[in-house]
């Protein structure tokens, strides 16, 4: 009897010690291809070690009376809903021409997200990355292959992409819309869609093996501007564990718009097309509305101070330290812009470039050019010219968001510069050249002649060129002759992203050490991502940003 008691006691102790491994309790719940969400069961597909759940609705279709309203919760369904193919892409015209979508159609019924999970068990608690696409708030989709979440999922992070309403469907305000909304505001519908996507992930991702308390968001260009706002919005900031900005932030010199001004602009825009009421606007088909109001129509504000999504500007929120207190990783590309755009065909001399910029810079022209190190004509088409042109587009506001966050939060800020130029377009593409969204387009004979006559600039990483590298998706883009070095850079960048999602720190074994800029703003350590990646601190570069900051602040009340 003593021996039996001792055996049972030993077994009890052993079992107690292994409770954390579930050895003596119920088996761990395996994650299958059918997952129960709050609204119903989804069935996905297996791809390698990753399970994919595509075309997942996170809000009701914003059609009919729901056009130009805040997103509404998904209506529950019965049975099993197929989640094996992408949902519709947002309504848009061919703004950039080379965006490649995988959804079945462009439609107002576009509020879908996509999930790539490597979880084997439902209780793994993996970190989550949500990617918001770029496209100027006018174009783009979570179905684009460049944002695909499979590569980061293979590194132990659940990847998510989410659509949002764009153009006239997502960003028009109107007095009638403001009056009918229970929050007495309008115009930020695309941003509210992003908040709804984050909230859906927060409430459902545990069922896919994710941790709802470890959600990191990232976006490029318009998606990056969105992320900076989501860090500040009372609707989303409490749901975030980390944020990454890629080429853009909605801070100085960009300005928020009052609800009153946005209402007036939206009303004038609709009226200019004969749409005298919101009822008349809602009566139009989506295609008719899109045709009447192309994406570049004047009158649509980027962000409206609607008292709901945003109570005050992102600058004010950051200055007060009221943004999400989370780790931030942010950067931009080395050739976001070109001085040739401002020169408009003039010879690239220092004198001509100053004359071209004088209407913008006024009496600070010489000071700004000196801060950026311009001394000779050769500087215009050098990295100095790229730096100034790029900073006027996305570089400076991204820098300023980093500066704010490193100053008014106690969280680490990691800054990078992506320097790798895309390789040449593959010869198999024939008479094609690279386009803005990573695709290609055919050159006309006139363009060929103009290109041949154009002065040659130093090469750099153009706007949006970082996306496929950072998300590990070079192989999805067959237009370019990617090299071994390109894949090496992509592996590095993707590893930084994955580590940041897991721990709030991009550093990891075998990677170049990356130091936060906190407390070192006069000579910030910036990770230069290229074939040979390393930190570089440059006091002159930081001085240039301070000079540009001085200029932008001088323009605030003009």
Protein backbone atom coordinates (compact mmCIF):
# COMPACT_ATOMS: atom_id res chain seq x y z
CA UNK A 1 0.00 0.00 0.00
CA UNK A 2 2.86 2.35 0.87
CA UNK A 3 4.45 1.62 -2.48
CA UNK A 4 1.17 2.29 -4.30
CA UNK A 5 0.68 5.59 -2.44
CA UNK A 6 4.24 6.65 -3.26
CA UNK A 7 3.74 5.83 -6.92
CA UNK A 8 0.50 7.83 -7.07
CA UNK A 9 2.09 10.77 -5.26
CA UNK A 10 5.02 10.80 -7.64
CA UNK A 11 2.67 10.73 -10.58
CA UNK A 12 0.66 13.62 -9.12
CA UNK A 13 3.80 15.73 -8.62
CA UNK A 14 5.01 14.97 -12.14
CA UNK A 15 1.62 15.80 -13.58
CA UNK A 16 1.41 19.08 -11.60
CA UNK A 17 4.83 20.13 -12.82
CA UNK A 18 3.79 19.65 -16.42
CA UNK A 19 0.43 21.43 -16.33
CA UNK A 20 1.89 24.28 -18.38
CA UNK A 21 2.59 21.77 -21.14
CA UNK A 22 -0.98 20.42 -20.95
CA UNK A 23 0.46 16.91 -20.48
CA UNK A 24 -2.01 16.00 -17.75
CA UNK A 25 -4.96 18.11 -18.89
CA UNK A 26 -6.96 18.37 -22.08
CA UNK A 27 -4.89 18.19 -25.29
CA UNK A 28 -3.98 21.55 -26.79
CA UNK A 29 -6.63 22.71 -29.25
CA UNK A 30 -5.23 22.33 -32.75
CA UNK A 31 -5.97 25.14 -35.17
CA UNK A 32 -7.92 23.69 -38.04
CA UNK A 33 -9.16 25.20 -41.27
CA UNK A 34 -12.52 25.98 -39.70
CA UNK A 35 -12.40 28.77 -37.12
CA UNK A 36 -15.22 30.13 -34.97
CA UNK A 37 -15.34 33.95 -35.02
CA UNK A 38 -17.76 36.21 -33.18
CA UNK A 39 -20.01 36.31 -36.27
CA UNK A 40 -19.73 32.71 -37.42
CA UNK A 41 -17.48 29.93 -38.69
CA UNK A 42 -14.87 30.60 -41.40
CA UNK A 43 -13.16 27.95 -43.51
CA UNK A 44 -9.71 28.76 -44.89
CA UNK A 45 -7.00 26.94 -46.82
CA UNK A 46 -3.61 25.46 -45.96
CA UNK A 47 -0.55 26.74 -47.84
CA UNK A 48 2.76 25.25 -46.70
CA UNK A 49 2.96 25.84 -42.93
CA UNK A 50 0.59 28.80 -43.18
CA UNK A 51 -3.18 28.78 -43.02
CA UNK A 52 -4.92 31.47 -45.03
CA UNK A 53 -8.33 32.98 -44.31
CA UNK A 54 -9.14 35.38 -47.13
CA UNK A 55 -12.04 37.71 -47.82
CA UNK A 56 -13.08 37.87 -44.16
CA UNK A 57 -15.80 40.52 -43.57
CA UNK A 58 -14.98 42.86 -40.69
CA UNK A 59 -17.95 45.21 -41.22
CA UNK A 60 -21.19 45.29 -43.17
CA UNK A 61 -21.04 46.25 -46.82
CA UNK A 62 -21.20 50.10 -46.87
CA UNK A 63 -23.82 50.23 -49.63
CA UNK A 64 -27.21 51.85 -50.03
CA UNK A 65 -28.09 53.77 -46.88
CA UNK A 66 -24.73 52.73 -45.38
CA UNK A 67 -22.81 54.67 -48.05
CA UNK A 68 -20.98 57.51 -46.26
CA UNK A 69 -21.67 56.14 -42.81
CA UNK A 70 -19.33 54.77 -40.15
CA UNK A 71 -18.73 51.02 -40.59
CA UNK A 72 -21.34 48.82 -38.96
CA UNK A 73 -20.65 45.49 -37.21
CA UNK A 74 -20.78 42.30 -39.27
CA UNK A 75 -24.12 40.50 -39.28
CA UNK A 76 -23.74 36.95 -37.99
CA UNK A 77 -24.18 34.11 -40.47
CA UNK A 78 -25.23 30.50 -40.12
CA UNK A 79 -23.20 27.53 -41.22
CA UNK A 80 -19.66 27.74 -42.59
CA UNK A 81 -18.53 30.76 -44.61
CA UNK A 82 -15.89 30.18 -47.28
CA UNK A 83 -12.69 32.21 -46.68
CA UNK A 84 -10.52 30.81 -49.46
CA UNK A 85 -10.41 33.76 -51.87
CA UNK A 86 -9.89 37.50 -51.60
CA UNK A 87 -12.92 39.73 -51.27
CA UNK A 88 -13.71 42.67 -53.52
CA UNK A 89 -11.16 45.46 -53.87
CA UNK A 90 -12.21 49.03 -52.99
CA UNK A 91 -13.83 51.23 -55.65
CA UNK A 92 -11.20 53.19 -57.57
CA UNK A 93 -10.07 54.14 -61.04
CA UNK A 94 -6.66 53.22 -62.46
CA UNK A 95 -4.93 55.99 -60.54
CA UNK A 96 -1.47 54.48 -60.88
CA UNK A 97 -2.20 51.95 -63.59
CA UNK A 98 0.23 49.29 -62.41
CA UNK A 99 -1.46 48.10 -59.22
CA UNK A 100 -2.20 44.38 -59.45
CA UNK A 101 -5.20 43.15 -57.44
CA UNK A 102 -6.35 39.63 -56.61
CA UNK A 103 -9.96 40.39 -55.67
CA UNK A 104 -12.80 39.43 -58.04
CA UNK A 105 -14.05 42.99 -58.64
CA UNK A 106 -13.91 46.60 -57.51
CA UNK A 107 -16.91 47.33 -55.37
CA UNK A 108 -18.29 49.40 -52.51
CA UNK A 109 -18.75 46.03 -50.83
CA UNK A 110 -15.05 45.92 -49.98
CA UNK A 111 -14.66 45.79 -46.20
CA UNK A 112 -12.73 42.54 -46.03
CA UNK A 113 -9.48 41.50 -44.41
CA UNK A 114 -7.10 38.61 -44.97
CA UNK A 115 -5.24 36.51 -42.41
CA UNK A 116 -2.08 34.41 -42.77
CA UNK A 117 -1.43 32.42 -39.60
CA UNK A 118 1.39 29.94 -38.89
CA UNK A 119 -0.24 28.80 -35.66
CA UNK A 120 -0.51 25.06 -35.18
CA UNK A 121 -2.54 25.48 -32.02
CA UNK A 122 -5.35 27.92 -31.28
CA UNK A 123 -3.77 28.97 -27.98
CA UNK A 124 -0.30 30.00 -29.25
CA UNK A 125 -0.80 33.72 -28.66
CA UNK A 126 1.31 34.84 -31.64
CA UNK A 127 2.00 38.52 -32.38
CA UNK A 128 -0.03 40.14 -35.16
CA UNK A 129 0.86 42.58 -37.94
CA UNK A 130 -1.88 44.53 -39.76
CA UNK A 131 -0.81 46.20 -43.02
CA UNK A 132 -2.77 49.15 -44.46
CA UNK A 133 -2.10 49.71 -48.15
CA UNK A 134 -0.83 52.86 -49.78
CA UNK A 135 -2.31 54.60 -52.81
CA UNK A 136 -2.93 58.20 -51.80
CA UNK A 137 -6.22 57.27 -50.06
CA UNK A 138 -7.51 56.95 -53.63
CA UNK A 139 -6.32 53.50 -54.71
CA UNK A 140 -4.86 50.22 -53.54
CA UNK A 141 -6.07 47.06 -51.82
CA UNK A 142 -5.13 44.50 -49.23
CA UNK A 143 -5.24 41.90 -52.01
CA UNK A 144 -2.06 43.26 -53.65
CA UNK A 145 0.66 40.61 -53.63
CA UNK A 146 3.30 43.04 -52.38
CA UNK A 147 1.52 43.16 -48.98
CA UNK A 148 1.02 39.38 -48.76
CA UNK A 149 1.37 38.11 -45.19
CA UNK A 150 2.73 34.63 -45.87
CA UNK A 151 6.45 35.46 -45.53
CA UNK A 152 6.09 37.18 -42.18
CA UNK A 153 3.79 34.37 -41.01
CA UNK A 154 6.62 31.94 -41.70
CA UNK A 155 8.63 33.96 -39.16
CA UNK A 156 6.03 33.45 -36.45
CA UNK A 157 3.89 36.57 -36.89
CA UNK A 158 0.26 36.49 -38.01
CA UNK A 159 -0.03 38.72 -41.08
CA UNK A 160 -3.22 40.65 -41.79
CA UNK A 161 -4.17 43.03 -44.61
CA UNK A 162 -7.36 45.07 -44.48
CA UNK A 163 -9.23 47.09 -47.09
CA UNK A 164 -10.76 50.50 -46.45
CA UNK A 165 -12.96 52.82 -48.49
CA UNK A 166 -11.01 55.15 -50.74
CA UNK A 167 -11.54 58.33 -52.75
CA UNK A 168 -15.05 59.74 -52.84
CA UNK A 169 -16.40 56.69 -51.00
CA UNK A 170 -14.08 57.05 -48.03
CA UNK A 171 -13.16 60.68 -47.65
CA UNK A 172 -15.93 63.15 -48.45
CA UNK A 173 -17.66 65.30 -45.83
CA UNK A 174 -21.01 67.08 -46.18
CA UNK A 175 -23.30 69.08 -43.86
CA UNK A 176 -26.08 66.50 -44.27
CA UNK A 177 -23.74 63.65 -43.39
CA UNK A 178 -22.49 65.52 -40.34
CA UNK A 179 -26.06 66.24 -39.19
CA UNK A 180 -27.23 62.62 -39.54
CA UNK A 181 -24.24 61.03 -37.75
CA UNK A 182 -24.67 60.34 -34.04
CA UNK A 183 -21.17 61.76 -33.49
CA UNK A 184 -22.00 64.91 -35.52
CA UNK A 185 -19.15 64.48 -37.97
CA UNK A 186 -18.30 63.15 -41.42
CA UNK A 187 -15.49 62.61 -43.90
CA UNK A 188 -13.21 60.06 -42.22
CA UNK A 189 -14.95 56.88 -43.36
CA UNK A 190 -11.80 55.20 -44.68
CA UNK A 191 -10.01 55.83 -41.39
CA UNK A 192 -13.02 54.54 -39.46
CA UNK A 193 -12.83 51.37 -41.57
CA UNK A 194 -9.23 50.94 -40.44
CA UNK A 195 -10.33 51.32 -36.81
CA UNK A 196 -13.05 48.71 -37.39
CA UNK A 197 -10.50 46.30 -38.86
CA UNK A 198 -8.24 46.71 -35.84
CA UNK A 199 -11.21 46.18 -33.51
CA UNK A 200 -12.23 43.04 -35.39
CA UNK A 201 -8.71 41.65 -35.09
CA UNK A 202 -8.67 42.54 -31.40
CA UNK A 203 -11.89 40.62 -30.84
CA UNK A 204 -11.24 37.59 -33.04
CA UNK A 205 -7.54 36.94 -33.60
CA UNK A 206 -7.17 34.68 -30.55
CA UNK A 207 -9.22 32.09 -32.44
CA UNK A 208 -6.53 32.08 -35.15
CA UNK A 209 -3.69 31.55 -32.66
CA UNK A 210 -3.01 35.26 -32.14
CA UNK A 211 -2.52 37.51 -29.13
CA UNK A 212 -5.07 40.38 -29.15
CA UNK A 213 -2.72 42.38 -26.94
CA UNK A 214 0.18 42.25 -29.40
CA UNK A 215 -1.15 44.01 -32.48
CA UNK A 216 1.34 46.05 -34.51
CA UNK A 217 0.14 48.17 -37.42
CA UNK A 218 2.13 49.24 -40.46
CA UNK A 219 1.43 51.11 -43.67
CA UNK A 220 3.30 52.60 -46.60
CA UNK A 221 2.64 56.08 -48.03
CA UNK A 222 -1.11 56.74 -47.45
CA UNK A 223 -1.08 53.68 -45.21
CA UNK A 224 1.77 55.22 -43.22
CA UNK A 225 -0.09 58.53 -42.91
CA UNK A 226 -3.01 56.43 -41.65
CA UNK A 227 -0.89 54.65 -39.06
CA UNK A 228 0.28 57.96 -37.59
CA UNK A 229 -3.36 58.97 -37.17
CA UNK A 230 -4.35 55.59 -35.73
CA UNK A 231 -1.65 56.12 -33.09
CA UNK A 232 -3.51 59.30 -32.10
CA UNK A 233 -7.18 58.42 -32.51
CA UNK A 234 -9.13 57.60 -29.32
CA UNK A 235 -10.87 54.86 -31.33
CA UNK A 236 -7.73 52.85 -32.03
CA UNK A 237 -4.71 53.85 -29.96
CA UNK A 238 -5.64 51.66 -27.00
CA UNK A 239 -5.64 48.54 -29.19
CA UNK A 240 -2.05 48.84 -30.39
CA UNK A 241 1.17 47.26 -29.14
CA UNK A 242 3.44 48.75 -31.80
CA UNK A 243 3.47 50.86 -34.97
CA UNK A 244 5.63 51.10 -38.07
CA UNK A 245 5.66 54.03 -40.50
CA UNK A 246 6.91 53.58 -44.06
CA UNK A 247 7.17 56.91 -45.91
CA UNK A 248 4.68 59.25 -44.38
CA UNK A 249 2.97 60.76 -41.33
CA UNK A 250 0.02 63.14 -40.95
CA UNK A 251 2.01 65.78 -39.07
CA UNK A 252 3.78 69.03 -39.97
CA UNK A 253 3.58 70.27 -42.72
CA UNK A 254 0.32 68.41 -43.37
CA UNK A 255 -2.72 69.96 -41.74
CA UNK A 256 -5.99 68.58 -40.43
CA UNK A 257 -9.22 70.20 -41.65
CA UNK A 258 -12.05 71.49 -39.49
CA UNK A 259 -15.42 69.80 -39.86
CA UNK A 260 -16.96 73.05 -41.06
CA UNK A 261 -14.38 73.52 -43.82
CA UNK A 262 -14.57 69.87 -44.86
CA UNK A 263 -18.37 70.04 -45.03
CA UNK A 264 -18.23 73.12 -47.24
CA UNK A 265 -15.64 71.56 -49.57
CA UNK A 266 -17.57 68.30 -49.88
CA UNK A 267 -20.85 70.05 -50.52
CA UNK A 268 -19.27 72.19 -53.23
CA UNK A 269 -17.67 69.14 -54.82
CA UNK A 270 -20.93 67.20 -55.05
CA UNK A 271 -22.86 70.24 -56.23
CA UNK A 272 -20.30 70.82 -59.00
CA UNK A 273 -21.47 67.50 -60.45
CA UNK A 274 -25.15 68.23 -60.01
CA UNK A 275 -25.52 66.25 -56.78
CA UNK A 276 -27.53 68.60 -54.58
CA UNK A 277 -28.28 66.22 -51.70
CA UNK A 278 -26.89 63.15 -49.99
CA UNK A 279 -30.06 61.26 -50.97
CA UNK A 280 -29.24 61.99 -54.61
CA UNK A 281 -25.67 60.86 -54.07
CA UNK A 282 -26.78 57.61 -52.47
CA UNK A 283 -29.19 56.97 -55.32
CA UNK A 284 -26.34 56.78 -57.82
CA UNK A 285 -24.66 53.48 -58.56
CA UNK A 286 -21.09 53.14 -57.35
CA UNK A 287 -19.82 53.16 -60.94
CA UNK A 288 -21.78 56.33 -61.76
CA UNK A 289 -20.49 58.10 -58.67
CA UNK A 290 -16.92 57.05 -59.40
CA UNK A 291 -17.22 58.30 -62.98
CA UNK A 292 -18.62 61.66 -61.87
CA UNK A 293 -16.03 62.18 -59.17
CA UNK A 294 -12.58 60.95 -60.15
CA UNK A 295 -10.06 60.31 -57.36
CA UNK A 296 -8.10 63.52 -57.85
CA UNK A 297 -11.19 65.68 -57.41
CA UNK A 298 -10.48 68.80 -55.34
CA UNK A 299 -12.39 69.01 -52.09
CA UNK A 300 -11.64 65.74 -50.32
CA UNK A 301 -9.63 66.34 -47.16
CA UNK A 302 -7.17 63.78 -45.82
CA UNK A 303 -8.29 63.95 -42.20
CA UNK A 304 -11.17 65.88 -40.66
CA UNK A 305 -11.38 66.97 -37.03
CA UNK A 306 -14.74 65.27 -36.65
CA UNK A 307 -14.73 64.97 -32.85
CA UNK A 308 -14.86 61.20 -33.18
CA UNK A 309 -11.96 59.73 -35.10
CA UNK A 310 -9.86 62.83 -34.38
CA UNK A 311 -10.60 65.49 -31.79
CA UNK A 312 -7.48 67.53 -32.60
CA UNK A 313 -4.58 67.37 -35.01
CA UNK A 314 -1.98 64.63 -34.78
CA UNK A 315 0.62 67.34 -34.11
CA UNK A 316 -1.30 68.45 -31.02
CA UNK A 317 -1.75 64.87 -29.82
CA UNK A 318 1.95 64.05 -30.28
CA UNK A 319 3.09 67.30 -28.64
CA UNK A 320 0.98 66.51 -25.56
CA UNK A 321 2.25 62.94 -25.42
CA UNK A 322 -1.31 61.63 -25.73
CA UNK A 323 -0.55 59.29 -28.63
CA UNK A 324 -0.35 55.53 -28.10
CA UNK A 325 2.63 54.91 -25.84
CA UNK A 326 4.10 52.09 -27.91
CA UNK A 327 7.38 51.28 -29.66
CA UNK A 328 7.74 52.90 -33.08
CA UNK A 329 9.81 51.82 -36.10
CA UNK A 330 9.82 54.33 -38.94
CA UNK A 331 11.68 55.33 -42.07
CA UNK A 332 11.56 56.30 -45.70
CA UNK A 333 13.37 55.74 -48.98
CA UNK A 334 16.38 57.53 -50.39
CA UNK A 335 14.65 58.71 -53.58
CA UNK A 336 11.12 59.58 -52.46
CA UNK A 337 11.25 62.60 -54.77
CA UNK A 338 13.45 64.15 -57.45
CA UNK A 339 14.68 67.72 -58.02
CA UNK A 340 13.92 67.18 -61.71
CA UNK A 341 10.24 67.53 -60.85
CA UNK A 342 10.74 71.08 -59.57
CA UNK A 343 13.17 71.96 -62.35
CA UNK A 344 10.52 71.09 -64.95
CA UNK A 345 12.94 70.70 -67.83
CA UNK A 346 15.40 73.42 -66.87
CA UNK A 347 19.10 72.65 -66.70
CA UNK A 348 20.02 71.12 -63.32
CA UNK A 349 22.13 74.00 -62.07
CA UNK A 350 22.16 75.23 -58.51
CA UNK A 351 20.92 78.63 -59.65
CA UNK A 352 17.96 77.12 -61.51
CA UNK A 353 17.06 74.83 -58.63
CA UNK A 354 17.06 77.73 -56.18
CA UNK A 355 14.88 79.77 -58.52
CA UNK A 356 12.48 76.83 -58.83
CA UNK A 357 12.21 76.47 -55.04
CA UNK A 358 12.20 80.19 -54.15
CA UNK A 359 8.40 80.56 -54.55
CA UNK A 360 8.01 77.90 -51.86
CA UNK A 361 10.92 78.71 -49.56
CA UNK A 362 10.91 82.51 -49.89
CA UNK A 363 13.55 84.27 -47.83
CA UNK A 364 14.67 80.95 -46.32
CA UNK A 365 15.81 79.55 -49.68
CA UNK A 366 19.53 80.11 -49.14
CA UNK A 367 19.35 78.87 -45.54
CA UNK A 368 17.61 75.63 -46.50
CA UNK A 369 19.96 74.95 -49.41
CA UNK A 370 22.96 75.56 -47.15
CA UNK A 371 21.53 73.21 -44.50
CA UNK A 372 21.27 70.45 -47.11
CA UNK A 373 24.88 71.04 -48.16
CA UNK A 374 24.34 72.46 -51.66
CA UNK A 375 27.51 74.14 -52.94
CA UNK A 376 27.87 73.38 -56.65
CA UNK A 377 25.80 72.45 -59.69
CA UNK A 378 26.84 68.83 -59.22
CA UNK A 379 24.98 68.71 -55.90
CA UNK A 380 21.60 69.16 -57.59
CA UNK A 381 21.55 65.64 -59.04
CA UNK A 382 23.42 64.08 -56.12
CA UNK A 383 22.09 62.50 -52.95
CA UNK A 384 21.68 66.05 -51.61
CA UNK A 385 19.12 66.78 -54.30
CA UNK A 386 17.31 63.52 -53.59
CA UNK A 387 17.26 64.24 -49.87
CA UNK A 388 15.65 67.66 -50.19
CA UNK A 389 13.07 66.56 -52.77
CA UNK A 390 12.18 63.44 -50.82
CA UNK A 391 11.92 65.26 -47.51
CA UNK A 392 9.43 67.71 -48.98
CA UNK A 393 7.20 64.72 -49.82
CA UNK A 394 7.40 62.07 -47.09
CA UNK A 395 10.81 62.26 -45.42
CA UNK A 396 10.30 65.30 -43.23
CA UNK A 397 6.87 64.38 -41.80
CA UNK A 398 8.09 60.86 -41.04
CA UNK A 399 11.13 62.37 -39.33
CA UNK A 400 8.88 64.72 -37.37
CA UNK A 401 6.66 61.88 -36.15
CA UNK A 402 9.81 60.12 -34.89
CA UNK A 403 11.00 63.34 -33.27
CA UNK A 404 7.66 63.82 -31.50
CA UNK A 405 7.42 60.24 -30.28
CA UNK A 406 11.02 60.09 -29.06
CA UNK A 407 10.40 63.31 -27.11
CA UNK A 408 6.91 62.83 -25.65
CA UNK A 409 6.83 59.09 -24.99
CA UNK A 410 8.98 56.72 -22.96
CA UNK A 411 8.94 54.16 -25.76
CA UNK A 412 11.82 53.32 -28.13
CA UNK A 413 11.90 54.83 -31.62
CA UNK A 414 13.89 53.06 -34.34
CA UNK A 415 14.57 55.02 -37.54
CA UNK A 416 15.79 53.73 -40.90
CA UNK A 417 16.63 54.89 -44.42
CA UNK A 418 16.07 52.40 -47.23
CA UNK A 419 18.70 52.92 -49.95
CA UNK A 420 18.50 49.96 -52.31
CA UNK A 421 17.49 50.91 -55.89
CA UNK A 422 15.23 48.40 -57.61
CA UNK A 423 17.06 46.37 -60.25
CA UNK A 424 16.30 46.95 -63.91
CA UNK A 425 13.03 45.74 -65.40
CA UNK A 426 13.47 42.22 -66.72
CA UNK A 427 14.34 42.03 -70.43
CA UNK A 428 11.47 39.58 -70.90
CA UNK A 429 9.09 42.50 -70.25
CA UNK A 430 10.10 44.12 -73.54
CA UNK A 431 9.36 47.82 -73.92
CA UNK A 432 8.42 48.37 -70.30
CA UNK A 433 9.68 50.60 -67.49
CA UNK A 434 9.11 50.54 -63.76
CA UNK A 435 6.01 52.34 -62.48
CA UNK A 436 5.11 53.84 -59.13
CA UNK A 437 3.30 50.90 -57.52
CA UNK A 438 5.96 48.30 -58.28
CA UNK A 439 4.52 47.23 -61.60
CA UNK A 440 5.53 48.25 -65.11
CA UNK A 441 4.09 50.32 -67.93
CA UNK A 442 4.82 50.71 -71.59
CA UNK A 443 6.85 53.74 -72.65
CA UNK A 444 5.67 55.88 -75.53
CA UNK A 445 8.13 57.04 -78.18
CA UNK A 446 7.88 60.56 -76.79
CA UNK A 447 8.73 59.29 -73.31
CA UNK A 448 11.69 57.36 -74.67
CA UNK A 449 13.08 60.50 -76.25
CA UNK A 450 12.46 62.54 -73.11
CA UNK A 451 14.09 59.87 -70.95
CA UNK A 452 17.17 59.78 -73.17
CA UNK A 453 17.53 63.57 -72.91
CA UNK A 454 16.89 63.71 -69.16
CA UNK A 455 19.92 64.50 -66.96
CA UNK A 456 21.14 61.47 -65.03
CA UNK A 457 20.62 61.49 -61.29
CA UNK A 458 22.26 59.40 -58.63
CA UNK A 459 20.22 56.22 -58.13
CA UNK A 460 18.14 55.61 -55.05
CA UNK A 461 15.14 53.72 -53.71
CA UNK A 462 12.02 55.30 -55.18
CA UNK A 463 8.74 55.76 -53.35
CA UNK A 464 7.10 52.40 -52.48
CA UNK A 465 10.16 50.35 -53.56
CA UNK A 466 10.65 49.08 -50.00
CA UNK A 467 7.36 47.19 -49.70
CA UNK A 468 8.30 43.88 -51.33
CA UNK A 469 11.63 43.89 -49.48
CA UNK A 470 10.16 44.58 -46.04
CA UNK A 471 7.36 42.03 -46.39
CA UNK A 472 9.53 39.33 -47.98
CA UNK A 473 7.59 39.40 -51.23
CA UNK A 474 10.19 39.95 -53.96
CA UNK A 475 9.24 36.67 -55.61
CA UNK A 476 5.66 37.86 -56.09
CA UNK A 477 6.91 40.63 -58.41
CA UNK A 478 8.15 39.07 -61.65
CA UNK A 479 8.79 42.36 -63.41
CA UNK A 480 12.29 42.88 -62.03
CA UNK A 481 15.54 40.93 -62.19
CA UNK A 482 15.98 40.42 -58.44
CA UNK A 483 19.51 39.42 -57.41
CA UNK A 484 20.98 37.50 -54.52
CA UNK A 485 21.72 40.84 -52.85
CA UNK A 486 18.07 41.86 -53.14
CA UNK A 487 16.95 38.68 -51.41
CA UNK A 488 19.60 39.20 -48.72
CA UNK A 489 18.30 42.71 -48.04
CA UNK A 490 14.73 41.47 -47.98
CA UNK A 491 15.57 38.78 -45.43
CA UNK A 492 17.18 41.41 -43.21
CA UNK A 493 14.28 43.84 -43.50
CA UNK A 494 11.66 41.14 -42.92
CA UNK A 495 13.55 39.89 -39.87
CA UNK A 496 13.58 43.39 -38.40
CA UNK A 497 9.83 43.65 -38.99
CA UNK A 498 9.12 40.25 -37.42
CA UNK A 499 11.30 40.88 -34.38
CA UNK A 500 9.68 44.26 -33.82
CA UNK A 501 6.22 42.67 -33.89
CA UNK A 502 7.32 40.05 -31.39
CA UNK A 503 9.15 42.23 -28.86
CA UNK A 504 8.93 45.91 -29.82
CA UNK A 505 12.63 45.70 -30.69
CA UNK A 506 13.90 44.89 -34.21
CA UNK A 507 17.23 43.49 -33.04
CA UNK A 508 17.98 39.80 -33.25
CA UNK A 509 20.72 37.23 -33.67
CA UNK A 510 22.85 37.81 -36.74
CA UNK A 511 21.37 41.23 -37.54
CA UNK A 512 23.27 44.56 -37.50
CA UNK A 513 22.64 46.29 -34.17
CA UNK A 514 19.92 48.92 -34.31
CA UNK A 515 19.85 51.58 -31.57
CA UNK A 516 16.81 53.71 -30.66
CA UNK A 517 17.10 57.43 -31.42
CA UNK A 518 15.73 58.40 -28.01
CA UNK A 519 17.99 60.91 -26.26
CA UNK A 520 20.19 61.25 -29.37
CA UNK A 521 18.09 63.52 -31.56
CA UNK A 522 20.96 65.86 -32.49
CA UNK A 523 22.79 62.94 -34.13
CA UNK A 524 20.28 60.12 -34.35
CA UNK A 525 21.51 56.58 -35.11
CA UNK A 526 19.71 55.65 -38.34
CA UNK A 527 19.79 52.15 -39.80
CA UNK A 528 20.90 52.44 -43.42
CA UNK A 529 19.30 49.43 -45.12
CA UNK A 530 21.25 48.30 -48.18
CA UNK A 531 23.57 45.53 -49.33
CA UNK A 532 25.74 46.41 -46.35
CA UNK A 533 23.41 47.64 -43.60
CA UNK A 534 24.64 49.58 -40.60
CA UNK A 535 23.73 52.43 -38.30
CA UNK A 536 24.90 55.91 -39.16
CA UNK A 537 24.59 59.04 -37.03
CA UNK A 538 24.87 62.32 -38.89
CA UNK A 539 24.53 65.63 -37.07
CA UNK A 540 24.42 67.56 -40.37
CA UNK A 541 21.35 65.60 -41.50
CA UNK A 542 19.54 66.35 -38.25
CA UNK A 543 20.42 70.04 -38.61
CA UNK A 544 18.86 70.03 -42.08
CA UNK A 545 15.62 68.66 -40.64
CA UNK A 546 15.61 71.32 -37.93
CA UNK A 547 16.01 73.98 -40.62
CA UNK A 548 13.14 72.55 -42.63
CA UNK A 549 11.10 72.38 -39.42
CA UNK A 550 11.78 76.09 -38.84
CA UNK A 551 10.50 76.83 -42.34
CA UNK A 552 7.32 74.74 -42.02
CA UNK A 553 6.47 76.32 -38.67
CA UNK A 554 6.90 79.77 -40.20
CA UNK A 555 4.19 78.87 -42.71
CA UNK A 556 1.57 77.71 -40.21
CA UNK A 557 -0.25 81.03 -39.89
CA UNK A 558 0.09 82.13 -43.51
